Amino acid sequence: SEVRRRRFFEPKSIERKKKKAAKRRKSLKETMRNEERE
């Protein structure tokens, strides 16, 4: 049952990871822009 549960919850965790990665990417781009300005 645990394996089934894991499989069921995996998509949500992957979505969360993707969202976190997107946020990280955005913040990285912003910091790079800030460094370029200075």
PDB file of N, CA and C in Angstrom:
ATOM      1  N   SER A   1       0.840  -1.205   0.000  1.00  0.00           N
ATOM      2  CA  SER A   1       0.000   0.000   0.000  1.00  0.00           C
ATOM      3  C   SER A   1       0.877   1.258   0.000  1.00  0.00           C
ATOM      4  N   GLU A   2       2.029   1.157   0.663  1.00  0.00           N
ATOM      5  CA  GLU A   2       2.904   2.340   0.714  1.00  0.00           C
ATOM      6  C   GLU A   2       3.418   2.703  -0.674  1.00  0.00           C
ATOM      7  N   VAL A   3       3.754   1.675  -1.445  1.00  0.00           N
ATOM      8  CA  VAL A   3       4.239   1.947  -2.799  1.00  0.00           C
ATOM      9  C   VAL A   3       3.142   2.641  -3.606  1.00  0.00           C
ATOM     10  N   ARG A   4       1.926   2.135  -3.489  1.00  0.00           N
ATOM     11  CA  ARG A   4       0.802   2.757  -4.194  1.00  0.00           C
ATOM     12  C   ARG A   4       0.651   4.205  -3.768  1.00  0.00           C
ATOM     13  N   ARG A   5       0.717   4.432  -2.472  1.00  0.00           N
ATOM     14  CA  ARG A   5       0.561   5.780  -1.939  1.00  0.00           C
ATOM     15  C   ARG A   5       1.642   6.689  -2.530  1.00  0.00           C
ATOM     16  N   ARG A   6       2.878   6.196  -2.502  1.00  0.00           N
ATOM     17  CA  ARG A   6       3.998   6.971  -3.015  1.00  0.00           C
ATOM     18  C   ARG A   6       3.746   7.354  -4.484  1.00  0.00           C
ATOM     19  N   ARG A   7       3.333   6.346  -5.271  1.00  0.00           N
ATOM     20  CA  ARG A   7       3.070   6.599  -6.685  1.00  0.00           C
ATOM     21  C   ARG A   7       1.968   7.643  -6.845  1.00  0.00           C
ATOM     22  N   PHE A   8       0.980   7.588  -5.977  1.00  0.00           N
ATOM     23  CA  PHE A   8      -0.153   8.513  -6.074  1.00  0.00           C
ATOM     24  C   PHE A   8       0.291   9.943  -5.750  1.00  0.00           C
ATOM     25  N   PHE A   9       1.190  10.071  -4.788  1.00  0.00           N
ATOM     26  CA  PHE A   9       1.597  11.418  -4.361  1.00  0.00           C
ATOM     27  C   PHE A   9       2.747  11.988  -5.181  1.00  0.00           C
ATOM     28  N   GLU A  10       3.406  11.131  -5.961  1.00  0.00           N
ATOM     29  CA  GLU A  10       4.587  11.596  -6.691  1.00  0.00           C
ATOM     30  C   GLU A  10       4.311  12.802  -7.593  1.00  0.00           C
ATOM     31  N   PRO A  11       3.280  12.778  -8.444  1.00  0.00           N
ATOM     32  CA  PRO A  11       3.056  13.918  -9.344  1.00  0.00           C
ATOM     33  C   PRO A  11       3.011  15.255  -8.615  1.00  0.00           C
ATOM     34  N   LYS A  12       2.321  15.298  -7.470  1.00  0.00           N
ATOM     35  CA  LYS A  12       2.222  16.558  -6.720  1.00  0.00           C
ATOM     36  C   LYS A  12       3.598  17.019  -6.270  1.00  0.00           C
ATOM     37  N   SER A  13       4.406  16.100  -5.745  1.00  0.00           N
ATOM     38  CA  SER A  13       5.740  16.482  -5.276  1.00  0.00           C
ATOM     39  C   SER A  13       6.585  16.975  -6.445  1.00  0.00           C
ATOM     40  N   ILE A  14       6.434  16.320  -7.605  1.00  0.00           N
ATOM     41  CA  ILE A  14       7.201  16.745  -8.784  1.00  0.00           C
ATOM     42  C   ILE A  14       6.771  18.155  -9.180  1.00  0.00           C
ATOM     43  N   GLU A  15       5.455  18.416  -9.163  1.00  0.00           N
ATOM     44  CA  GLU A  15       4.956  19.752  -9.493  1.00  0.00           C
ATOM     45  C   GLU A  15       5.549  20.775  -8.540  1.00  0.00           C
ATOM     46  N   ARG A  16       5.563  20.432  -7.241  1.00  0.00           N
ATOM     47  CA  ARG A  16       6.118  21.341  -6.241  1.00  0.00           C
ATOM     48  C   ARG A  16       7.589  21.624  -6.552  1.00  0.00           C
ATOM     49  N   LYS A  17       8.344  20.553  -6.868  1.00  0.00           N
ATOM     50  CA  LYS A  17       9.772  20.725  -7.175  1.00  0.00           C
ATOM     51  C   LYS A  17       9.949  21.638  -8.383  1.00  0.00           C
ATOM     52  N   LYS A  18       9.097  21.441  -9.400  1.00  0.00           N
ATOM     53  CA  LYS A  18       9.195  22.271 -10.606  1.00  0.00           C
ATOM     54  C   LYS A  18       8.922  23.730 -10.265  1.00  0.00           C
ATOM     55  N   LYS A  19       7.895  23.968  -9.434  1.00  0.00           N
ATOM     56  CA  LYS A  19       7.562  25.339  -9.045  1.00  0.00           C
ATOM     57  C   LYS A  19       8.726  25.960  -8.281  1.00  0.00           C
ATOM     58  N   LYS A  20       9.301  25.180  -7.353  1.00  0.00           N
ATOM     59  CA  LYS A  20      10.444  25.686  -6.586  1.00  0.00           C
ATOM     60  C   LYS A  20      11.599  26.010  -7.517  1.00  0.00           C
ATOM     61  N   ALA A  21      11.853  25.125  -8.480  1.00  0.00           N
ATOM     62  CA  ALA A  21      12.944  25.344  -9.435  1.00  0.00           C
ATOM     63  C   ALA A  21      12.684  26.617 -10.246  1.00  0.00           C
ATOM     64  N   ALA A  22      11.435  26.806 -10.656  1.00  0.00           N
ATOM     65  CA  ALA A  22      11.092  28.003 -11.439  1.00  0.00           C
ATOM     66  C   ALA A  22      11.340  29.257 -10.600  1.00  0.00           C
ATOM     67  N   LYS A  23      10.925  29.218  -9.330  1.00  0.00           N
ATOM     68  CA  LYS A  23      11.147  30.373  -8.447  1.00  0.00           C
ATOM     69  C   LYS A  23      12.638  30.631  -8.309  1.00  0.00           C
ATOM     70  N   ARG A  24      13.410  29.553  -8.097  1.00  0.00           N
ATOM     71  CA  ARG A  24      14.858  29.688  -7.930  1.00  0.00           C
ATOM     72  C   ARG A  24      15.458  30.313  -9.194  1.00  0.00           C
ATOM     73  N   ARG A  25      14.999  29.833 -10.365  1.00  0.00           N
ATOM     74  CA  ARG A  25      15.515  30.343 -11.630  1.00  0.00           C
ATOM     75  C   ARG A  25      15.220  31.846 -11.752  1.00  0.00           C
ATOM     76  N   LYS A  26      13.994  32.243 -11.384  1.00  0.00           N
ATOM     77  CA  LYS A  26      13.611  33.656 -11.466  1.00  0.00           C
ATOM     78  C   LYS A  26      14.503  34.492 -10.558  1.00  0.00           C
ATOM     79  N   SER A  27      14.676  34.032  -9.318  1.00  0.00           N
ATOM     80  CA  SER A  27      15.495  34.790  -8.364  1.00  0.00           C
ATOM     81  C   SER A  27      16.942  34.857  -8.859  1.00  0.00           C
ATOM     82  N   LEU A  28      17.427  33.776  -9.453  1.00  0.00           N
ATOM     83  CA  LEU A  28      18.798  33.776  -9.977  1.00  0.00           C
ATOM     84  C   LEU A  28      18.937  34.828 -11.076  1.00  0.00           C
ATOM     85  N   LYS A  29      17.950  34.858 -11.987  1.00  0.00           N
ATOM     86  CA  LYS A  29      17.995  35.839 -13.073  1.00  0.00           C
ATOM     87  C   LYS A  29      17.995  37.260 -12.496  1.00  0.00           C
ATOM     88  N   GLU A  30      17.163  37.483 -11.481  1.00  0.00           N
ATOM     89  CA  GLU A  30      17.086  38.808 -10.867  1.00  0.00           C
ATOM     90  C   GLU A  30      18.429  39.186 -10.239  1.00  0.00           C
ATOM     91  N   THR A  31      19.048  38.262  -9.510  1.00  0.00           N
ATOM     92  CA  THR A  31      20.324  38.568  -8.865  1.00  0.00           C
ATOM     93  C   THR A  31      21.384  38.850  -9.933  1.00  0.00           C
ATOM     94  N   MET A  32      21.351  38.095 -11.029  1.00  0.00           N
ATOM     95  CA  MET A  32      22.329  38.331 -12.097  1.00  0.00           C
ATOM     96  C   MET A  32      22.134  39.728 -12.684  1.00  0.00           C
ATOM     97  N   ARG A  33      20.894  40.118 -12.883  1.00  0.00           N
ATOM     98  CA  ARG A  33      20.601  41.459 -13.407  1.00  0.00           C
ATOM     99  C   ARG A  33      21.105  42.518 -12.437  1.00  0.00           C
ATOM    100  N   ASN A  34      20.857  42.300 -11.149  1.00  0.00           N
ATOM    101  CA  ASN A  34      21.317  43.263 -10.139  1.00  0.00           C
ATOM    102  C   ASN A  34      22.838  43.381 -10.183  1.00  0.00           C
ATOM    103  N   GLU A  35      23.524  42.255 -10.310  1.00  0.00           N
ATOM    104  CA  GLU A  35      24.992  42.287 -10.369  1.00  0.00           C
ATOM    105  C   GLU A  35      25.454  43.048 -11.606  1.00  0.00           C
ATOM    106  N   GLU A  36      24.753  42.870 -12.727  1.00  0.00           N
ATOM    107  CA  GLU A  36      25.121  43.562 -13.958  1.00  0.00           C
ATOM    108  C   GLU A  36      24.961  45.071 -13.788  1.00  0.00           C
ATOM    109  N   ARG A  37      23.905  45.487 -13.085  1.00  0.00           N
ATOM    110  CA  ARG A  37      23.675  46.922 -12.869  1.00  0.00           C
ATOM    111  C   ARG A  37      24.830  47.523 -12.087  1.00  0.00           C
ATOM    112  N   GLU A  38      25.272  46.797 -11.037  1.00  0.00           N
ATOM    113  CA  GLU A  38      26.380  47.315 -10.222  1.00  0.00           C
ATOM    114  C   GLU A  38      27.661  47.216 -11.023  1.00  0.00           C
TER     115      GLU A  38
END
